[in-house]
Amino acid sequence: METAYALFVIILHLLIAPFALVFVWAIYYDLSTSEIPPGIDQPMKLRILHWLLLVSASLGKILENLCFCSQINFIRYTQEGKNLGEDPKLLIKDLIFDDIPVRVYQPRESKSERKRGVVFFHGGGWMFGSINSYDHVCRYIARESDSVLVSVGYQLAPEQKYPSQFKDCLSATVHFLKKAEDYSVDPARIIISGDSVGGNFAASVCQALVSRSDVVKPLAQILIYPGLQAIDFNLPSYQQNRAVPILYREHVICSALQYLNKDLSVLPSVMQGCHVPSDIKMKFGKWINSENIPEEFKARGFKPLEATAFLDEVYEVVKQALETTFSPLMAEDAVIAQLPKACVVTCEYDVLRDDGILYKKRLEDNGVPVTWYHIEDGFHGVINLFSGFLSFPSGKKGVDSIVTFVRGL
């Protein structure tokens, strides 16, 4: 027994030392690379959250080098979240819509014959996130808005390549639009929503449905700090928030390249804008341009960059990023004008802030009604942190804004 105990102590010490080193490195990396603006919600708590994410990524890399598991799978495991079990106010079912896993949240007590329906696409940079990791968000929206919510478990990159994820989201949405009455949902009161890359999918799906005559058009779209374009990574928000946790500017481009299954060596050129041909810049520059960002959002510092030389070899690598199923901000006016009313949620300290602001302007310029919620002390990913140990008031503010919009439809 004494020998076994001694062996246990030795193993424990062997594990504690490397973990401590990884944690110290995470703190050092955060303090030396991140920038926490003074107006952000609970800056110290945000740093702690960032440390934990860095530790997870580092441990995943170590385990990958030791051939235990891939870094991506380890991070997914740490972010999966626990099973919250039954909900006294919701009937929750895991189903399959056209080979796509979904989770359906239905209010148990019906206050009306047919309810609103909400389709939700989770975020996670194309590679992370799941139905389980967003379970608490979806429960809250369904319960508080008295709506039937469908959370879509689209396939993840890099295992599944672009545009598989968009196609999954579109297929699941069309299935629900056609079968809405089976879930006591009014087909004319369905909202398409998502956060981060899920907001990208929501915008793209709504655009794809414009030309469909076999389904009822969505009532509305909810885009929560969406990433919507790959032309300009030097907009004011990209410059101001380039190193604000939990999403750095480099992380956006790196994730996009991995989603497209492209070589990361082109990242510096893409960041400078060398991947966009002059004709595309000329055509879409009127929409995707810092001049369309209100002056108050440039107050924290913004420097227009000089035009960079176009590199055809870089364009050939990343040209798929300029398709509308990747960059819905590049859709034609004829499509934008037919989109449903929108709710756009942005956060001040988010690199993707200006994508949302630019899309809001495009929608309004084409006669589409827009409700805009701007979380002045928020950062990217904050609605997923509206409750629990590492919760932020700005996250609660954001998710309540979504509920308010849905209840008003």
Protein backbone atom coordinates (compact mmCIF):
# COMPACT_ATOMS: atom_id res chain seq x y z
CA MET A 1 0.00 0.00 0.00
CA GLU A 2 2.84 2.38 0.87
CA THR A 3 4.54 1.63 -2.45
CA ALA A 4 1.33 2.34 -4.38
CA TYR A 5 0.81 5.58 -2.51
CA ALA A 6 4.38 6.66 -3.18
CA LEU A 7 3.96 5.89 -6.88
CA PHE A 8 0.73 7.92 -6.94
CA VAL A 9 2.50 10.90 -5.35
CA ILE A 10 5.33 10.70 -7.88
CA ILE A 11 2.91 10.59 -10.82
CA LEU A 12 0.94 13.49 -9.34
CA HIS A 13 4.09 15.59 -9.07
CA LEU A 14 5.08 14.70 -12.61
CA LEU A 15 1.70 15.93 -13.85
CA ILE A 16 1.51 19.05 -11.70
CA ALA A 17 4.85 20.46 -12.83
CA PRO A 18 4.10 20.48 -16.59
CA PHE A 19 0.58 21.78 -16.01
CA ALA A 20 1.95 24.61 -13.87
CA LEU A 21 4.46 25.49 -16.58
CA VAL A 22 1.70 25.52 -19.21
CA PHE A 23 -0.45 27.77 -17.04
CA VAL A 24 2.43 30.16 -16.41
CA TRP A 25 3.14 30.25 -20.16
CA ALA A 26 -0.55 31.00 -20.85
CA ILE A 27 -0.46 33.95 -18.45
CA TYR A 28 2.77 35.23 -19.99
CA TYR A 29 1.43 34.88 -23.54
CA ASP A 30 -1.79 36.66 -22.66
CA LEU A 31 -0.08 39.54 -20.89
CA SER A 32 2.47 39.98 -23.68
CA THR A 33 0.13 39.75 -26.68
CA SER A 34 -3.42 40.66 -25.69
CA GLU A 35 -4.86 44.15 -25.33
CA ILE A 36 -7.71 44.68 -22.87
CA PRO A 37 -9.36 48.10 -23.51
CA PRO A 38 -10.43 49.96 -20.34
CA GLY A 39 -14.13 49.97 -21.24
CA ILE A 40 -14.51 46.22 -21.60
CA ASP A 41 -16.79 44.18 -19.31
CA GLN A 42 -14.90 42.66 -16.31
CA PRO A 43 -11.35 42.73 -17.77
CA MET A 44 -9.79 40.44 -15.15
CA LYS A 45 -12.42 37.77 -15.64
CA LEU A 46 -11.84 38.00 -19.39
CA ARG A 47 -8.12 37.42 -18.84
CA ILE A 48 -8.84 34.34 -16.74
CA LEU A 49 -11.11 33.01 -19.48
CA HIS A 50 -8.36 33.63 -22.03
CA TRP A 51 -5.82 31.82 -19.84
CA LEU A 52 -8.06 28.77 -19.65
CA LEU A 53 -8.51 28.74 -23.43
CA LEU A 54 -4.74 29.02 -23.94
CA VAL A 55 -4.10 26.19 -21.48
CA SER A 56 -6.59 24.01 -23.32
CA ALA A 57 -4.91 24.71 -26.67
CA SER A 58 -1.44 24.09 -25.23
CA LEU A 59 -2.37 20.83 -23.54
CA GLY A 60 -4.04 19.74 -26.76
CA LYS A 61 -0.84 20.40 -28.68
CA ILE A 62 1.19 18.42 -26.15
CA LEU A 63 -1.21 15.47 -26.36
CA GLU A 64 -1.09 15.67 -30.16
CA ASN A 65 2.72 15.53 -30.12
CA LEU A 66 2.52 12.52 -27.81
CA CYS A 67 0.10 10.89 -30.29
CA PHE A 68 -2.74 10.62 -27.74
CA CYS A 69 -5.27 12.73 -29.67
CA SER A 70 -5.42 15.69 -32.00
CA GLN A 71 -5.31 19.20 -30.61
CA ILE A 72 -8.63 20.04 -32.27
CA ASN A 73 -10.42 17.08 -30.70
CA PHE A 74 -9.00 17.89 -27.26
CA ILE A 75 -10.20 21.50 -27.47
CA ARG A 76 -13.62 20.31 -28.63
CA TYR A 77 -13.78 17.97 -25.65
CA THR A 78 -12.94 20.74 -23.16
CA GLN A 79 -15.57 23.04 -24.67
CA GLU A 80 -18.34 20.46 -25.01
CA GLY A 81 -20.12 21.33 -21.78
CA LYS A 82 -22.18 19.09 -19.56
CA ASN A 83 -25.56 17.57 -20.25
CA LEU A 84 -28.08 19.82 -18.53
CA GLY A 85 -30.74 17.12 -18.49
CA GLU A 86 -34.47 17.76 -18.62
CA ASP A 87 -36.00 21.20 -18.39
CA PRO A 88 -39.33 21.65 -16.56
CA LYS A 89 -40.50 24.21 -19.13
CA LEU A 90 -39.13 22.62 -22.32
CA LEU A 91 -39.52 19.38 -24.20
CA ILE A 92 -36.09 18.66 -25.69
CA LYS A 93 -35.49 16.11 -28.45
CA ASP A 94 -32.42 15.13 -30.47
CA LEU A 95 -33.54 14.48 -34.04
CA ILE A 96 -32.20 14.20 -37.59
CA PHE A 97 -33.22 16.65 -40.32
CA ASP A 98 -32.04 15.38 -43.75
CA ASP A 99 -29.05 13.56 -42.20
CA ILE A 100 -28.16 16.63 -40.08
CA PRO A 101 -28.32 16.24 -36.28
CA VAL A 102 -30.51 18.83 -34.59
CA ARG A 103 -31.88 19.48 -31.12
CA VAL A 104 -35.45 20.75 -30.91
CA TYR A 105 -36.60 22.79 -27.90
CA GLN A 106 -40.39 23.03 -27.53
CA PRO A 107 -42.19 24.90 -24.72
CA ARG A 108 -44.22 22.40 -22.66
CA GLU A 109 -47.06 24.81 -21.88
CA SER A 110 -48.53 26.22 -25.06
CA LYS A 111 -49.71 29.82 -24.86
CA SER A 112 -50.83 29.85 -28.49
CA GLU A 113 -51.82 27.28 -31.08
CA ARG A 114 -48.84 27.85 -33.33
CA LYS A 115 -45.60 29.33 -32.14
CA ARG A 116 -42.67 31.14 -33.60
CA GLY A 117 -39.82 28.96 -34.80
CA VAL A 118 -36.13 29.82 -34.41
CA VAL A 119 -33.35 28.07 -36.33
CA PHE A 120 -30.00 28.55 -34.56
CA PHE A 121 -26.49 27.98 -35.96
CA HIS A 122 -23.76 27.94 -33.32
CA GLY A 123 -20.41 29.70 -33.58
CA GLY A 124 -16.93 28.30 -33.10
CA GLY A 125 -14.75 29.35 -36.01
CA TRP A 126 -16.00 26.56 -38.30
CA MET A 127 -13.95 24.02 -36.31
CA PHE A 128 -15.44 24.18 -32.82
CA GLY A 129 -18.78 24.49 -31.07
CA SER A 130 -21.64 22.01 -30.95
CA ILE A 131 -25.27 21.52 -30.03
CA ASN A 132 -24.17 20.67 -26.47
CA SER A 133 -21.84 23.64 -26.02
CA TYR A 134 -24.71 26.01 -26.92
CA ASP A 135 -27.40 24.09 -25.06
CA HIS A 136 -27.73 26.67 -22.28
CA VAL A 137 -28.08 29.52 -24.81
CA CYS A 138 -30.72 27.71 -26.86
CA ARG A 139 -32.71 26.67 -23.78
CA TYR A 140 -32.80 30.25 -22.58
CA ILE A 141 -33.93 31.71 -25.91
CA ALA A 142 -36.60 29.04 -26.42
CA ARG A 143 -37.90 29.32 -22.85
CA GLU A 144 -37.89 33.11 -22.52
CA SER A 145 -39.26 33.83 -26.00
CA ASP A 146 -41.86 31.03 -25.88
CA SER A 147 -40.61 29.73 -29.23
CA VAL A 148 -39.70 26.39 -30.76
CA LEU A 149 -35.96 26.46 -31.37
CA VAL A 150 -33.97 24.14 -33.63
CA SER A 151 -30.22 24.00 -32.92
CA VAL A 152 -28.32 22.67 -35.94
CA GLY A 153 -25.29 20.40 -35.49
CA TYR A 154 -23.57 21.06 -38.79
CA GLN A 155 -20.37 19.18 -39.66
CA LEU A 156 -17.10 20.80 -38.63
CA ALA A 157 -13.89 21.67 -40.43
CA PRO A 158 -11.23 20.55 -41.16
CA GLU A 159 -12.80 17.08 -41.43
CA GLN A 160 -15.55 18.46 -43.67
CA LYS A 161 -14.55 21.01 -46.27
CA TYR A 162 -16.17 24.24 -47.40
CA PRO A 163 -19.01 24.65 -48.24
CA SER A 164 -20.29 21.53 -46.44
CA GLN A 165 -21.21 23.51 -43.33
CA PHE A 166 -23.31 26.02 -45.27
CA LYS A 167 -25.06 23.18 -47.11
CA ASP A 168 -25.83 21.43 -43.81
CA CYS A 169 -27.38 24.61 -42.40
CA LEU A 170 -29.41 25.21 -45.55
CA SER A 171 -30.67 21.60 -45.68
CA ALA A 172 -31.73 21.59 -42.01
CA THR A 173 -33.47 24.95 -42.44
CA VAL A 174 -35.41 23.86 -45.53
CA HIS A 175 -36.48 20.68 -43.73
CA PHE A 176 -37.82 22.70 -40.80
CA LEU A 177 -39.56 25.21 -43.06
CA LYS A 178 -41.37 22.34 -44.78
CA LYS A 179 -42.18 20.43 -41.58
CA ALA A 180 -42.82 23.36 -39.24
CA GLU A 181 -46.44 22.43 -38.57
CA ASP A 182 -45.29 19.06 -37.19
CA TYR A 183 -43.75 21.01 -34.30
CA SER A 184 -46.72 23.36 -33.77
CA VAL A 185 -44.85 26.16 -35.54
CA ASP A 186 -46.38 28.67 -37.93
CA PRO A 187 -44.28 28.35 -41.15
CA ALA A 188 -44.70 32.10 -41.74
CA ARG A 189 -43.08 32.92 -38.34
CA ILE A 190 -39.67 31.30 -38.61
CA ILE A 191 -36.49 33.20 -37.73
CA ILE A 192 -32.99 32.22 -38.95
CA SER A 193 -30.25 33.02 -36.43
CA GLY A 194 -26.67 32.35 -35.42
CA ASP A 195 -23.63 33.81 -33.69
CA SER A 196 -20.16 34.43 -35.15
CA VAL A 197 -19.72 31.94 -38.03
CA GLY A 198 -23.28 30.87 -37.23
CA GLY A 199 -24.28 34.44 -38.08
CA ASN A 200 -22.42 34.01 -41.35
CA PHE A 201 -24.44 30.87 -42.08
CA ALA A 202 -27.69 32.61 -41.10
CA ALA A 203 -27.02 35.45 -43.54
CA SER A 204 -26.00 33.04 -46.32
CA VAL A 205 -28.99 30.76 -45.77
CA CYS A 206 -31.40 33.71 -45.91
CA GLN A 207 -29.79 34.82 -49.18
CA ALA A 208 -30.06 31.29 -50.62
CA LEU A 209 -33.76 31.12 -49.70
CA VAL A 210 -34.53 34.25 -51.73
CA SER A 211 -34.59 32.19 -54.93
CA ARG A 212 -36.47 29.21 -53.47
CA SER A 213 -40.12 28.85 -54.42
CA ASP A 214 -40.67 25.55 -52.58
CA VAL A 215 -40.64 26.97 -49.04
CA VAL A 216 -42.13 29.88 -47.13
CA LYS A 217 -39.67 32.73 -46.73
CA PRO A 218 -38.24 33.34 -43.24
CA LEU A 219 -39.90 36.03 -41.16
CA ALA A 220 -36.62 37.46 -39.85
CA GLN A 221 -32.90 36.90 -39.38
CA ILE A 222 -30.78 37.38 -36.26
CA LEU A 223 -27.07 37.93 -36.84
CA ILE A 224 -25.03 37.92 -33.63
CA TYR A 225 -21.55 39.47 -34.13
CA PRO A 226 -21.30 37.78 -37.54
CA GLY A 227 -18.26 37.51 -39.79
CA LEU A 228 -19.53 38.46 -43.23
CA GLN A 229 -16.65 39.34 -45.55
CA ALA A 230 -13.09 38.41 -46.48
CA ILE A 231 -12.11 41.48 -48.50
CA ASP A 232 -10.85 43.87 -45.83
CA PHE A 233 -9.22 42.73 -42.60
CA ASN A 234 -8.11 46.27 -41.78
CA LEU A 235 -11.45 47.90 -41.05
CA PRO A 236 -11.48 50.02 -37.85
CA SER A 237 -12.66 47.14 -35.64
CA TYR A 238 -9.95 44.84 -37.02
CA GLN A 239 -7.32 47.43 -36.16
CA GLN A 240 -8.71 48.50 -32.79
CA ASN A 241 -9.51 45.00 -31.50
CA ARG A 242 -6.77 43.03 -33.26
CA ALA A 243 -5.53 41.55 -29.97
CA VAL A 244 -8.65 41.62 -27.78
CA PRO A 245 -9.47 38.17 -26.35
CA ILE A 246 -11.00 35.86 -27.20
CA LEU A 247 -10.69 36.50 -30.95
CA TYR A 248 -7.56 38.03 -32.44
CA ARG A 249 -7.47 39.31 -36.01
CA GLU A 250 -4.97 36.60 -36.98
CA HIS A 251 -7.29 33.95 -35.53
CA VAL A 252 -10.08 35.04 -37.89
CA ILE A 253 -7.92 34.68 -40.99
CA CYS A 254 -6.26 31.48 -39.77
CA SER A 255 -9.63 29.85 -39.07
CA ALA A 256 -10.94 30.95 -42.46
CA LEU A 257 -7.95 29.43 -44.24
CA GLN A 258 -8.35 26.17 -42.33
CA TYR A 259 -12.06 26.12 -43.16
CA LEU A 260 -11.16 26.52 -46.83
CA ASN A 261 -8.42 23.88 -46.45
CA LYS A 262 -5.72 26.32 -47.61
CA ASP A 263 -2.07 26.80 -46.75
CA LEU A 264 -1.54 29.16 -43.79
CA SER A 265 1.57 30.62 -45.44
CA VAL A 266 -0.62 33.17 -47.27
CA LEU A 267 -1.93 34.62 -44.00
CA PRO A 268 0.31 37.76 -43.96
CA SER A 269 -0.60 38.58 -47.58
CA VAL A 270 -4.32 38.12 -46.90
CA MET A 271 -4.07 40.33 -43.83
CA GLN A 272 -2.60 43.10 -46.01
CA GLY A 273 -5.29 42.69 -48.67
CA CYS A 274 -3.06 41.32 -51.43
CA HIS A 275 -5.65 38.66 -52.28
CA VAL A 276 -8.31 40.96 -53.77
CA PRO A 277 -8.21 41.83 -57.50
CA SER A 278 -8.70 45.49 -58.43
CA ASP A 279 -12.03 44.87 -60.19
CA ILE A 280 -13.48 43.23 -57.07
CA LYS A 281 -12.13 46.04 -54.88
CA MET A 282 -13.74 48.59 -57.18
CA LYS A 283 -17.11 46.82 -57.32
CA PHE A 284 -17.48 46.02 -53.64
CA GLY A 285 -15.47 48.91 -52.20
CA LYS A 286 -18.61 51.04 -52.07
CA TRP A 287 -20.08 48.58 -49.57
CA ILE A 288 -17.04 47.19 -47.74
CA ASN A 289 -15.24 50.37 -46.85
CA SER A 290 -14.20 52.14 -43.66
CA GLU A 291 -15.98 55.27 -44.95
CA ASN A 292 -19.27 53.47 -44.26
CA ILE A 293 -18.37 53.08 -40.57
CA PRO A 294 -19.73 55.90 -38.37
CA GLU A 295 -17.03 58.23 -37.06
CA GLU A 296 -17.71 57.38 -33.41
CA PHE A 297 -16.42 53.86 -34.07
CA LYS A 298 -13.06 55.22 -35.21
CA ALA A 299 -12.39 57.19 -32.04
CA ARG A 300 -10.15 54.57 -30.43
CA GLY A 301 -7.68 54.84 -33.28
CA PHE A 302 -7.90 53.97 -36.94
CA LYS A 303 -5.40 54.49 -39.73
CA PRO A 304 -6.45 53.94 -43.35
CA LEU A 305 -3.84 51.78 -45.02
CA GLU A 306 -2.31 52.41 -48.41
CA ALA A 307 -3.38 50.15 -51.24
CA THR A 308 -1.33 46.97 -51.48
CA ALA A 309 -0.11 45.21 -54.58
CA PHE A 310 -2.35 42.41 -55.84
CA LEU A 311 -0.76 38.93 -55.81
CA ASP A 312 -2.46 36.58 -58.24
CA GLU A 313 -0.95 33.50 -56.60
CA VAL A 314 -2.53 34.47 -53.26
CA TYR A 315 -5.90 35.14 -54.90
CA GLU A 316 -5.82 31.68 -56.53
CA VAL A 317 -5.37 30.13 -53.08
CA VAL A 318 -8.16 32.00 -51.28
CA LYS A 319 -10.61 33.04 -54.03
CA GLN A 320 -13.35 30.86 -52.53
CA ALA A 321 -13.41 33.29 -49.60
CA LEU A 322 -14.85 35.90 -51.98
CA GLU A 323 -17.90 33.78 -52.82
CA THR A 324 -21.21 34.91 -51.33
CA THR A 325 -21.60 31.66 -49.39
CA PHE A 326 -18.46 32.71 -47.51
CA SER A 327 -18.78 36.50 -47.75
CA PRO A 328 -22.53 37.33 -47.80
CA LEU A 329 -21.70 41.04 -47.64
CA MET A 330 -20.74 40.64 -51.32
CA ALA A 331 -24.23 39.65 -52.47
CA GLU A 332 -25.90 41.77 -55.14
CA ASP A 333 -28.44 44.45 -54.23
CA ALA A 334 -31.16 42.43 -55.98
CA VAL A 335 -30.67 39.69 -53.38
CA ILE A 336 -30.18 41.97 -50.37
CA ALA A 337 -33.41 43.84 -51.12
CA GLN A 338 -35.45 40.63 -50.81
CA LEU A 339 -34.10 39.61 -47.41
CA PRO A 340 -36.29 39.47 -44.30
CA LYS A 341 -36.16 42.02 -41.51
CA ALA A 342 -33.05 41.70 -39.39
CA CYS A 343 -31.70 41.95 -35.89
CA VAL A 344 -27.97 42.65 -35.85
CA VAL A 345 -26.01 42.34 -32.60
CA THR A 346 -22.51 43.82 -32.41
CA CYS A 347 -19.94 44.23 -29.64
CA GLU A 348 -17.65 47.23 -29.33
CA TYR A 349 -14.53 45.20 -28.51
CA ASP A 350 -14.86 42.64 -31.30
CA VAL A 351 -12.82 42.40 -34.51
CA LEU A 352 -16.04 41.44 -36.35
CA ARG A 353 -17.94 44.53 -35.15
CA ASP A 354 -17.68 46.39 -38.44
CA ASP A 355 -18.88 43.43 -40.52
CA GLY A 356 -22.17 43.68 -38.66
CA ILE A 357 -22.31 47.47 -39.01
CA LEU A 358 -21.63 47.30 -42.75
CA TYR A 359 -24.29 44.65 -43.29
CA LYS A 360 -26.76 46.71 -41.27
CA LYS A 361 -26.12 49.63 -43.63
CA ARG A 362 -26.47 47.47 -46.74
CA LEU A 363 -29.79 46.11 -45.52
CA GLU A 364 -31.12 49.55 -44.64
CA ASP A 365 -29.93 51.03 -47.95
CA ASN A 366 -32.00 48.34 -49.69
CA GLY A 367 -35.13 48.97 -47.66
CA VAL A 368 -34.81 46.06 -45.22
CA PRO A 369 -35.86 46.97 -41.63
CA VAL A 370 -33.04 46.46 -39.10
CA THR A 371 -33.06 46.35 -35.31
CA TRP A 372 -29.53 46.97 -34.05
CA TYR A 373 -28.27 46.08 -30.58
CA HIS A 374 -24.75 47.32 -29.86
CA ILE A 375 -23.18 45.98 -26.66
CA GLU A 376 -20.86 48.82 -25.69
CA ASP A 377 -18.77 46.82 -23.19
CA GLY A 378 -19.05 43.47 -24.99
CA PHE A 379 -16.45 41.29 -26.71
CA HIS A 380 -16.65 38.43 -29.19
CA GLY A 381 -18.40 35.31 -27.90
CA VAL A 382 -19.96 37.01 -24.90
CA ILE A 383 -23.54 35.75 -25.34
CA ASN A 384 -22.28 32.24 -24.67
CA LEU A 385 -21.12 33.56 -21.28
CA PHE A 386 -24.39 34.97 -19.97
CA SER A 387 -24.58 32.53 -17.06
CA GLY A 388 -22.41 30.26 -14.95
CA PHE A 389 -19.04 30.65 -13.20
CA LEU A 390 -17.44 32.83 -15.89
CA SER A 391 -20.51 34.91 -16.70
CA PHE A 392 -20.54 38.51 -17.92
CA PRO A 393 -23.37 41.06 -17.55
CA SER A 394 -22.81 42.09 -21.17
CA GLY A 395 -23.56 38.50 -22.21
CA LYS A 396 -26.89 38.59 -20.38
CA LYS A 397 -27.61 41.94 -22.00
CA GLY A 398 -26.96 40.41 -25.42
CA VAL A 399 -29.07 37.28 -25.01
CA ASP A 400 -31.93 39.31 -23.54
CA SER A 401 -31.79 41.60 -26.58
CA ILE A 402 -32.29 38.56 -28.80
CA VAL A 403 -35.24 37.37 -26.71
CA THR A 404 -36.81 40.83 -26.87
CA PHE A 405 -36.54 40.89 -30.66
CA VAL A 406 -38.03 37.41 -31.05
CA ARG A 407 -40.92 38.14 -28.70
CA GLY A 408 -41.73 41.25 -30.73
CA LEU A 409 -42.25 39.29 -33.94
